[in-house]
C-alpha atoms as a PDB file:
ATOM      1  CA  MET A   1     -55.945  -3.275  -1.156  1.00  0.00           C
ATOM      2  CA  LYS A   2     -56.118   0.318  -2.408  1.00  0.00           C
ATOM      3  CA  PRO A   3     -53.028   1.966  -3.680  1.00  0.00           C
ATOM      4  CA  THR A   4     -52.479   4.373  -0.987  1.00  0.00           C
ATOM      5  CA  LEU A   5     -52.842   1.634   1.509  1.00  0.00           C
ATOM      6  CA  ARG A   6     -50.269  -0.395  -0.326  1.00  0.00           C
ATOM      7  CA  LEU A   7     -47.843   2.402  -0.222  1.00  0.00           C
ATOM      8  CA  ILE A   8     -48.114   2.940   3.512  1.00  0.00           C
ATOM      9  CA  CYS A   9     -47.592  -0.879   3.934  1.00  0.00           C
ATOM     10  CA  ILE A  10     -44.425  -0.697   1.948  1.00  0.00           C
ATOM     11  CA  VAL A  11     -42.912   2.059   3.618  1.00  0.00           C
ATOM     12  CA  LEU A  12     -43.504   0.517   7.033  1.00  0.00           C
ATOM     13  CA  CYS A  13     -42.035  -2.736   6.072  1.00  0.00           C
ATOM     14  CA  LEU A  14     -38.665  -0.672   4.856  1.00  0.00           C
ATOM     15  CA  ALA A  15     -38.695   1.217   7.893  1.00  0.00           C
ATOM     16  CA  GLY A  16     -39.003  -2.149   9.872  1.00  0.00           C
ATOM     17  CA  ILE A  17     -36.073  -3.365   7.547  1.00  0.00           C
ATOM     18  CA  ILE A  18     -33.887  -0.421   8.398  1.00  0.00           C
ATOM     19  CA  GLN A  19     -34.628  -0.594  11.756  1.00  0.00           C
ATOM     20  CA  LEU A  20     -33.554  -4.493  12.242  1.00  0.00           C
ATOM     21  CA  SER A  21     -30.458  -3.863  10.422  1.00  0.00           C
ATOM     22  CA  SER A  22     -29.264  -1.392  12.705  1.00  0.00           C
ATOM     23  CA  ALA A  23     -30.413  -3.444  15.716  1.00  0.00           C
ATOM     24  CA  SER A  24     -28.386  -6.065  14.320  1.00  0.00           C
ATOM     25  CA  ILE A  25     -25.257  -4.245  14.169  1.00  0.00           C
ATOM     26  CA  PHE A  26     -25.628  -2.085  17.138  1.00  0.00           C
ATOM     27  CA  GLY A  27     -27.802  -3.517  19.644  1.00  0.00           C
ATOM     28  CA  SER A  28     -31.217  -1.933  20.894  1.00  0.00           C
ATOM     29  CA  ASP A  29     -31.542   1.423  22.409  1.00  0.00           C
ATOM     30  CA  GLU A  30     -34.304   0.457  24.567  1.00  0.00           C
ATOM     31  CA  GLY A  31     -33.112   0.333  28.395  1.00  0.00           C
ATOM     32  CA  GLU A  32     -29.551   0.158  29.408  1.00  0.00           C
ATOM     33  CA  GLY A  33     -28.896  -3.280  27.849  1.00  0.00           C
ATOM     34  CA  SER A  34     -25.395  -4.371  26.630  1.00  0.00           C
ATOM     35  CA  THR A  35     -26.424  -6.173  23.784  1.00  0.00           C
ATOM     36  CA  ASN A  36     -23.682  -4.643  21.671  1.00  0.00           C
ATOM     37  CA  ILE A  37     -21.096  -5.332  24.722  1.00  0.00           C
ATOM     38  CA  GLU A  38     -22.150  -9.158  24.780  1.00  0.00           C
ATOM     39  CA  LYS A  39     -21.254  -9.624  21.076  1.00  0.00           C
ATOM     40  CA  ILE A  40     -17.971  -8.163  21.425  1.00  0.00           C
ATOM     41  CA  ASN A  41     -15.159 -10.738  21.587  1.00  0.00           C
ATOM     42  CA  PRO A  42     -11.738  -9.644  22.183  1.00  0.00           C
ATOM     43  CA  ALA A  43     -10.323 -12.422  20.039  1.00  0.00           C
ATOM     44  CA  ASP A  44     -11.777 -10.668  16.897  1.00  0.00           C
ATOM     45  CA  PHE A  45      -9.894  -7.690  17.343  1.00  0.00           C
ATOM     46  CA  GLN A  46      -6.011  -7.085  16.350  1.00  0.00           C
ATOM     47  CA  SER A  47      -3.353  -5.011  18.370  1.00  0.00           C
ATOM     48  CA  LYS A  48      -2.640  -2.468  15.800  1.00  0.00           C
ATOM     49  CA  VAL A  49      -4.900   0.001  13.969  1.00  0.00           C
ATOM     50  CA  ASP A  50      -3.917   0.072  10.730  1.00  0.00           C
ATOM     51  CA  ASN A  51      -7.209   0.936   8.463  1.00  0.00           C
ATOM     52  CA  PRO A  52      -5.807   3.153   5.554  1.00  0.00           C
ATOM     53  CA  TYR A  53      -8.090   6.230   6.239  1.00  0.00           C
ATOM     54  CA  PHE A  54      -7.940   5.825   9.985  1.00  0.00           C
ATOM     55  CA  PRO A  55      -4.412   4.751  10.953  1.00  0.00           C
ATOM     56  CA  LEU A  56      -3.248   5.274  14.470  1.00  0.00           C
ATOM     57  CA  VAL A  57       0.535   4.780  14.516  1.00  0.00           C
ATOM     58  CA  PRO A  58       1.906   5.200  17.958  1.00  0.00           C
ATOM     59  CA  GLY A  59       4.284   8.264  18.123  1.00  0.00           C
ATOM     60  CA  THR A  60       2.397  10.213  15.314  1.00  0.00           C
ATOM     61  CA  THR A  61       1.047  13.833  15.888  1.00  0.00           C
ATOM     62  CA  TYR A  62      -1.551  15.752  13.803  1.00  0.00           C
ATOM     63  CA  ASN A  63      -1.779  19.318  14.129  1.00  0.00           C
ATOM     64  CA  TYR A  64      -4.993  21.045  12.784  1.00  0.00           C
ATOM     65  CA  ILE A  65      -6.469  24.781  12.865  1.00  0.00           C
ATOM     66  CA  GLU A  66      -9.839  25.453  13.695  1.00  0.00           C
ATOM     67  CA  THR A  67     -11.729  28.423  12.825  1.00  0.00           C
ATOM     68  CA  VAL A  68     -15.031  29.517  13.883  1.00  0.00           C
ATOM     69  CA  GLY A  69     -15.575  33.052  12.445  1.00  0.00           C
ATOM     70  CA  LYS A  70     -12.870  35.040  13.204  1.00  0.00           C
ATOM     71  CA  ASP A  71     -11.402  32.781  16.186  1.00  0.00           C
ATOM     72  CA  THR A  72      -8.958  30.336  15.614  1.00  0.00           C
ATOM     73  CA  SER A  73      -7.396  27.725  17.700  1.00  0.00           C
ATOM     74  CA  GLU A  74      -4.829  24.938  17.361  1.00  0.00           C
ATOM     75  CA  ASN A  75      -5.897  21.262  17.521  1.00  0.00           C
ATOM     76  CA  GLU A  76      -2.924  18.732  18.389  1.00  0.00           C
ATOM     77  CA  VAL A  77      -3.839  14.926  18.199  1.00  0.00           C
ATOM     78  CA  THR A  78      -1.211  12.564  19.367  1.00  0.00           C
ATOM     79  CA  VAL A  79      -1.406   8.806  18.922  1.00  0.00           C
ATOM     80  CA  THR A  80       0.517   7.873  22.054  1.00  0.00           C
ATOM     81  CA  HIS A  81       2.157   4.585  23.036  1.00  0.00           C
ATOM     82  CA  ASP A  82      -0.207   3.826  25.924  1.00  0.00           C
ATOM     83  CA  THR A  83      -3.219   1.293  25.475  1.00  0.00           C
ATOM     84  CA  THR A  84      -6.085   0.573  27.895  1.00  0.00           C
ATOM     85  CA  LEU A  85      -8.072  -2.456  28.176  1.00  0.00           C
ATOM     86  CA  ILE A  86     -12.204  -2.054  27.845  1.00  0.00           C
ATOM     87  CA  GLU A  87     -14.619  -5.315  27.763  1.00  0.00           C
ATOM     88  CA  GLY A  88     -11.413  -7.241  27.335  1.00  0.00           C
ATOM     89  CA  VAL A  89     -10.274  -5.212  23.801  1.00  0.00           C
ATOM     90  CA  THR A  90      -7.128  -3.573  23.903  1.00  0.00           C
ATOM     91  CA  CYS A  91      -7.491   0.050  22.798  1.00  0.00           C
ATOM     92  CA  VAL A  92      -5.065   2.636  21.548  1.00  0.00           C
ATOM     93  CA  VAL A  93      -5.269   5.887  23.605  1.00  0.00           C
ATOM     94  CA  VAL A  94      -5.238   9.038  21.759  1.00  0.00           C
ATOM     95  CA  HIS A  95      -4.665  12.556  22.979  1.00  0.00           C
ATOM     96  CA  ASP A  96      -6.375  15.389  21.657  1.00  0.00           C
ATOM     97  CA  VAL A  97      -5.579  18.974  22.893  1.00  0.00           C
ATOM     98  CA  VAL A  98      -7.143  22.145  21.882  1.00  0.00           C
ATOM     99  CA  LYS A  99      -5.791  25.234  22.657  1.00  0.00           C
ATOM    100  CA  SER A 100      -6.385  29.229  21.908  1.00  0.00           C
ATOM    101  CA  ASN A 101      -3.885  31.716  22.167  1.00  0.00           C
ATOM    102  CA  GLY A 102      -1.806  29.114  23.756  1.00  0.00           C
ATOM    103  CA  VAL A 103      -4.002  28.287  26.655  1.00  0.00           C
ATOM    104  CA  VAL A 104      -5.801  24.842  26.933  1.00  0.00           C
ATOM    105  CA  LYS A 105      -9.439  24.866  26.029  1.00  0.00           C
ATOM    106  CA  GLU A 106     -10.118  21.242  26.030  1.00  0.00           C
ATOM    107  CA  GLU A 107      -8.339  18.129  26.406  1.00  0.00           C
ATOM    108  CA  THR A 108      -9.642  14.648  25.633  1.00  0.00           C
ATOM    109  CA  PHE A 109      -8.401  10.955  25.708  1.00  0.00           C
ATOM    110  CA  ASP A 110      -9.848   8.610  23.070  1.00  0.00           C
ATOM    111  CA  TRP A 111      -9.918   4.811  22.842  1.00  0.00           C
ATOM    112  CA  TYR A 112     -10.041   2.822  19.462  1.00  0.00           C
ATOM    113  CA  ALA A 113      -9.642  -0.694  18.733  1.00  0.00           C
ATOM    114  CA  GLN A 114      -9.834  -2.326  15.230  1.00  0.00           C
ATOM    115  CA  ASP A 115     -11.364  -5.649  14.309  1.00  0.00           C
ATOM    116  CA  ARG A 116      -9.758  -8.267  12.215  1.00  0.00           C
ATOM    117  CA  GLU A 117     -12.158  -7.064   9.294  1.00  0.00           C
ATOM    118  CA  GLY A 118     -10.482  -3.663   9.367  1.00  0.00           C
ATOM    119  CA  ASN A 119     -13.478  -1.935  11.101  1.00  0.00           C
ATOM    120  CA  VAL A 120     -11.942   0.840  13.672  1.00  0.00           C
ATOM    121  CA  TRP A 121     -14.295   1.007  16.729  1.00  0.00           C
ATOM    122  CA  TYR A 122     -14.833   3.873  19.168  1.00  0.00           C
ATOM    123  CA  PHE A 123     -14.798   2.625  22.722  1.00  0.00           C
ATOM    124  CA  GLY A 124     -15.135   5.791  24.768  1.00  0.00           C
ATOM    125  CA  GLU A 125     -13.463   9.265  25.419  1.00  0.00           C
ATOM    126  CA  ASP A 126     -12.422  11.058  28.816  1.00  0.00           C
ATOM    127  CA  THR A 127     -13.012  14.469  27.894  1.00  0.00           C
ATOM    128  CA  LYS A 128     -12.558  17.718  29.924  1.00  0.00           C
ATOM    129  CA  GLU A 129     -13.488  21.562  28.844  1.00  0.00           C
ATOM    130  CA  PHE A 130     -11.997  24.202  30.680  1.00  0.00           C
ATOM    131  CA  LYS A 131     -14.179  27.296  31.268  1.00  0.00           C
ATOM    132  CA  ALA A 132     -13.671  30.392  33.130  1.00  0.00           C
ATOM    133  CA  HIS A 133     -13.521  30.632  36.742  1.00  0.00           C
ATOM    134  CA  ASN A 134     -11.584  27.209  36.769  1.00  0.00           C
ATOM    135  CA  LYS A 135     -14.694  25.274  35.731  1.00  0.00           C
ATOM    136  CA  VAL A 136     -14.287  22.152  34.335  1.00  0.00           C
ATOM    137  CA  VAL A 137     -16.828  20.463  31.932  1.00  0.00           C
ATOM    138  CA  THR A 138     -16.998  16.406  31.415  1.00  0.00           C
ATOM    139  CA  ARG A 139     -20.199  16.167  29.506  1.00  0.00           C
ATOM    140  CA  GLY A 140     -19.604  13.955  26.639  1.00  0.00           C
ATOM    141  CA  SER A 141     -17.464  11.659  28.489  1.00  0.00           C
ATOM    142  CA  TRP A 142     -18.066   8.013  28.106  1.00  0.00           C
ATOM    143  CA  LYS A 143     -17.114   4.631  28.344  1.00  0.00           C
ATOM    144  CA  THR A 144     -18.363   1.377  26.590  1.00  0.00           C
ATOM    145  CA  GLY A 145     -19.728  -0.846  29.566  1.00  0.00           C
ATOM    146  CA  ALA A 146     -20.428   1.953  31.930  1.00  0.00           C
ATOM    147  CA  LYS A 147     -23.837   3.292  32.751  1.00  0.00           C
ATOM    148  CA  GLY A 148     -24.935   1.121  29.481  1.00  0.00           C
ATOM    149  CA  ALA A 149     -22.258   2.844  26.925  1.00  0.00           C
ATOM    150  CA  GLN A 150     -22.004   0.908  24.031  1.00  0.00           C
ATOM    151  CA  PRO A 151     -19.144   1.058  21.235  1.00  0.00           C
ATOM    152  CA  GLY A 152     -19.450   2.088  17.482  1.00  0.00           C
ATOM    153  CA  ILE A 153     -17.861   2.358  14.449  1.00  0.00           C
ATOM    154  CA  ILE A 154     -15.682   5.444  13.319  1.00  0.00           C
ATOM    155  CA  MET A 155     -14.213   4.243  10.113  1.00  0.00           C
ATOM    156  CA  LYS A 156     -15.408   0.988   8.184  1.00  0.00           C
ATOM    157  CA  GLY A 157     -12.719  -1.807   6.886  1.00  0.00           C
ATOM    158  CA  LYS A 158     -14.283  -1.185   3.530  1.00  0.00           C
ATOM    159  CA  PRO A 159     -16.005   2.193   3.238  1.00  0.00           C
ATOM    160  CA  GLU A 160     -18.969   2.228   1.138  1.00  0.00           C
ATOM    161  CA  MET A 161     -22.075   4.497   0.995  1.00  0.00           C
ATOM    162  CA  GLY A 162     -24.867   3.492   2.460  1.00  0.00           C
ATOM    163  CA  GLU A 163     -26.928   3.822   5.702  1.00  0.00           C
ATOM    164  CA  PRO A 164     -26.197   5.564   8.770  1.00  0.00           C
ATOM    165  CA  TYR A 165     -24.347   3.763  11.466  1.00  0.00           C
ATOM    166  CA  ARG A 166     -23.498   4.563  15.230  1.00  0.00           C
ATOM    167  CA  GLN A 167     -20.309   5.940  16.040  1.00  0.00           C
ATOM    168  CA  GLU A 168     -20.778   6.282  19.959  1.00  0.00           C
ATOM    169  CA  TYR A 169     -23.802   5.804  22.498  1.00  0.00           C
ATOM    170  CA  LEU A 170     -24.287   6.716  25.850  1.00  0.00           C
ATOM    171  CA  LYS A 171     -27.817   8.143  26.369  1.00  0.00           C
ATOM    172  CA  GLY A 172     -28.331  11.669  26.596  1.00  0.00           C
ATOM    173  CA  GLU A 173     -24.491  12.232  26.379  1.00  0.00           C
ATOM    174  CA  ALA A 174     -22.945  10.781  23.363  1.00  0.00           C
ATOM    175  CA  GLU A 175     -25.219   9.891  20.598  1.00  0.00           C
ATOM    176  CA  ASP A 176     -22.900  10.370  17.507  1.00  0.00           C
ATOM    177  CA  MET A 177     -23.836   8.923  14.163  1.00  0.00           C
ATOM    178  CA  GLY A 178     -22.153   8.645  10.959  1.00  0.00           C
ATOM    179  CA  GLN A 179     -23.010   7.882   7.263  1.00  0.00           C
ATOM    180  CA  ILE A 180     -20.525   7.415   4.377  1.00  0.00           C
ATOM    181  CA  VAL A 181     -21.683  10.250   1.299  1.00  0.00           C
ATOM    182  CA  SER A 182     -18.560   9.680  -0.853  1.00  0.00           C
ATOM    183  CA  VAL A 183     -15.580   7.034  -1.187  1.00  0.00           C
ATOM    184  CA  ASN A 184     -13.915   9.092  -4.234  1.00  0.00           C
ATOM    185  CA  ASP A 185     -13.871  12.956  -2.837  1.00  0.00           C
ATOM    186  CA  SER A 186     -11.159  15.395  -2.958  1.00  0.00           C
ATOM    187  CA  ALA A 187      -9.806  17.854  -0.352  1.00  0.00           C
ATOM    188  CA  VAL A 188      -7.014  20.945  -0.269  1.00  0.00           C
ATOM    189  CA  VAL A 189      -5.634  21.511   3.039  1.00  0.00           C
ATOM    190  CA  PRO A 190      -2.373  23.100   4.006  1.00  0.00           C
ATOM    191  CA  TYR A 191      -0.696  19.753   4.462  1.00  0.00           C
ATOM    192  CA  GLY A 192      -1.398  19.041   1.114  1.00  0.00           C
ATOM    193  CA  SER A 193      -4.070  18.062  -1.920  1.00  0.00           C
ATOM    194  CA  TYR A 194      -5.701  14.824  -1.832  1.00  0.00           C
ATOM    195  CA  THR A 195      -7.944  12.721  -4.126  1.00  0.00           C
ATOM    196  CA  GLY A 196      -9.576   9.351  -3.253  1.00  0.00           C
ATOM    197  CA  CYS A 197     -11.198  10.712   0.268  1.00  0.00           C
ATOM    198  CA  VAL A 198     -13.698   9.071   2.173  1.00  0.00           C
ATOM    199  CA  LYS A 199     -16.254  11.776   3.122  1.00  0.00           C
ATOM    200  CA  THR A 200     -18.415  11.225   5.809  1.00  0.00           C
ATOM    201  CA  LYS A 201     -21.439  13.052   7.424  1.00  0.00           C
ATOM    202  CA  ASP A 202     -21.705  13.060  11.214  1.00  0.00           C
ATOM    203  CA  TRP A 203     -24.107  14.369  13.358  1.00  0.00           C
ATOM    204  CA  SER A 204     -25.409  14.219  17.090  1.00  0.00           C
ATOM    205  CA  MET A 205     -28.828  12.964  18.071  1.00  0.00           C
ATOM    206  CA  LEU A 206     -28.600  15.563  20.654  1.00  0.00           C
ATOM    207  CA  GLU A 207     -27.690  18.578  18.916  1.00  0.00           C
ATOM    208  CA  ALA A 208     -28.774  20.043  15.612  1.00  0.00           C
ATOM    209  CA  GLY A 209     -26.723  20.568  12.506  1.00  0.00           C
ATOM    210  CA  HIS A 210     -24.123  18.359  11.118  1.00  0.00           C
ATOM    211  CA  GLU A 211     -20.371  18.023  10.008  1.00  0.00           C
ATOM    212  CA  PHE A 212     -18.711  16.858   6.745  1.00  0.00           C
ATOM    213  CA  LYS A 213     -15.514  14.929   7.595  1.00  0.00           C
ATOM    214  CA  TRP A 214     -12.699  13.833   4.672  1.00  0.00           C
ATOM    215  CA  TYR A 215     -10.109  11.238   5.510  1.00  0.00           C
ATOM    216  CA  ALA A 216      -7.317  10.630   3.060  1.00  0.00           C
ATOM    217  CA  LYS A 217      -5.579   7.289   2.542  1.00  0.00           C
ATOM    218  CA  GLY A 218      -2.573   6.730   4.608  1.00  0.00           C
ATOM    219  CA  ILE A 219      -3.369   9.846   7.074  1.00  0.00           C
ATOM    220  CA  GLY A 220      -6.509   9.813   8.616  1.00  0.00           C
ATOM    221  CA  CYS A 221      -8.871  12.803   8.913  1.00  0.00           C
ATOM    222  CA  ILE A 222      -7.634  16.062   6.930  1.00  0.00           C
ATOM    223  CA  ARG A 223     -10.615  18.463   6.811  1.00  0.00           C
ATOM    224  CA  SER A 224     -13.824  18.961   8.816  1.00  0.00           C
ATOM    225  CA  GLN A 225     -16.719  21.556   8.328  1.00  0.00           C
ATOM    226  CA  SER A 226     -19.788  22.146  10.004  1.00  0.00           C
ATOM    227  CA  THR A 227     -23.053  23.427   9.205  1.00  0.00           C
ATOM    228  CA  GLY A 228     -22.433  25.949  12.540  1.00  0.00           C
ATOM    229  CA  GLY A 229     -19.689  27.411  10.305  1.00  0.00           C
ATOM    230  CA  GLU A 230     -16.583  25.619  12.249  1.00  0.00           C
ATOM    231  CA  THR A 231     -13.805  24.300   9.776  1.00  0.00           C
ATOM    232  CA  SER A 232     -10.868  22.446  10.780  1.00  0.00           C
ATOM    233  CA  VAL A 233      -7.926  21.780   8.476  1.00  0.00           C
ATOM    234  CA  LEU A 234      -4.624  19.742   8.690  1.00  0.00           C
ATOM    235  CA  VAL A 235      -1.606  21.960   8.623  1.00  0.00           C
ATOM    236  CA  SER A 236       1.345  19.166   9.937  1.00  0.00           C
ATOM    237  CA  VAL A 237       2.035  15.615  10.606  1.00  0.00           C
ATOM    238  CA  THR A 238       5.212  14.672  12.835  1.00  0.00           C
ATOM    239  CA  LYS A 239       5.688  11.033  12.421  1.00  0.00           C
ATOM    240  CA  PRO A 240       7.918   8.927  14.638  1.00  0.00           C
END
C-alpha cells in the first residue's frame, strides 16, 4: 500500500472511531429516533445536583453583568425549589432572567438532573426573548423527548480534557456542543479570584463562533467570553 493511501486509511479509521464514540454516548443524529432517551434510566439519577463545578442548591441566586460593546445588561440566575419530571427523571428548575435598564429582555426556565456518576445532564429549556412591539420569540426552546429532542451533558462528573460532547439537541433549534480545554485555569471576576477552574469551549452547530466559560469549584460558572465580544462576569451570589 502506498504511503499516501495508507495515511488516508488511517485518517478514515480514526474518524470512524470518533464517530462511533460520539454515537455510543449521545445516539445517532439520523432522523428523530430516541436512541439517547431509550438509554436513560431514571434509577441512574439522583435527586440533588451537587457536582462541585455545577452545584444547584435551591434558593441560590447568581447575579452576572453581561457586556457587549458599550451595552450592559443584568443576568439573574435562580435555582428554584421547583422540579419537573422529564422522561421519568426529576429535573431541577433554574430560572434565568436577563434585564436591560430594568426591562426584561429574556426569560428562560432550564431543566437539569445529575446522574449517580456526577454528570450533570441538560434536559431542555423554555426560553422567551422579548422584542419590540410585544413580539415574543421562543426559538431555541426544546424538551427531551419532544420532536426528537435529546439531552446532553452540561458538566462531567470527572472533568477531563478530551473530545467534544453534546450539550443539547433538537435539530435546527438547539445543537450546542462543548469541550473541556483546561481543568486548572484561573479567572478574576467582581465576586472573587479563582484558580483550579474548569474551562470549556462551547459552540452551536447552527451559528458561527464559540464561547469560553470558566467554572469555579463550589460555585459554578463565574465567567464567559464569546468570539463576538460578549462577556459575562459573576458579581454576587445570594445563598439560602
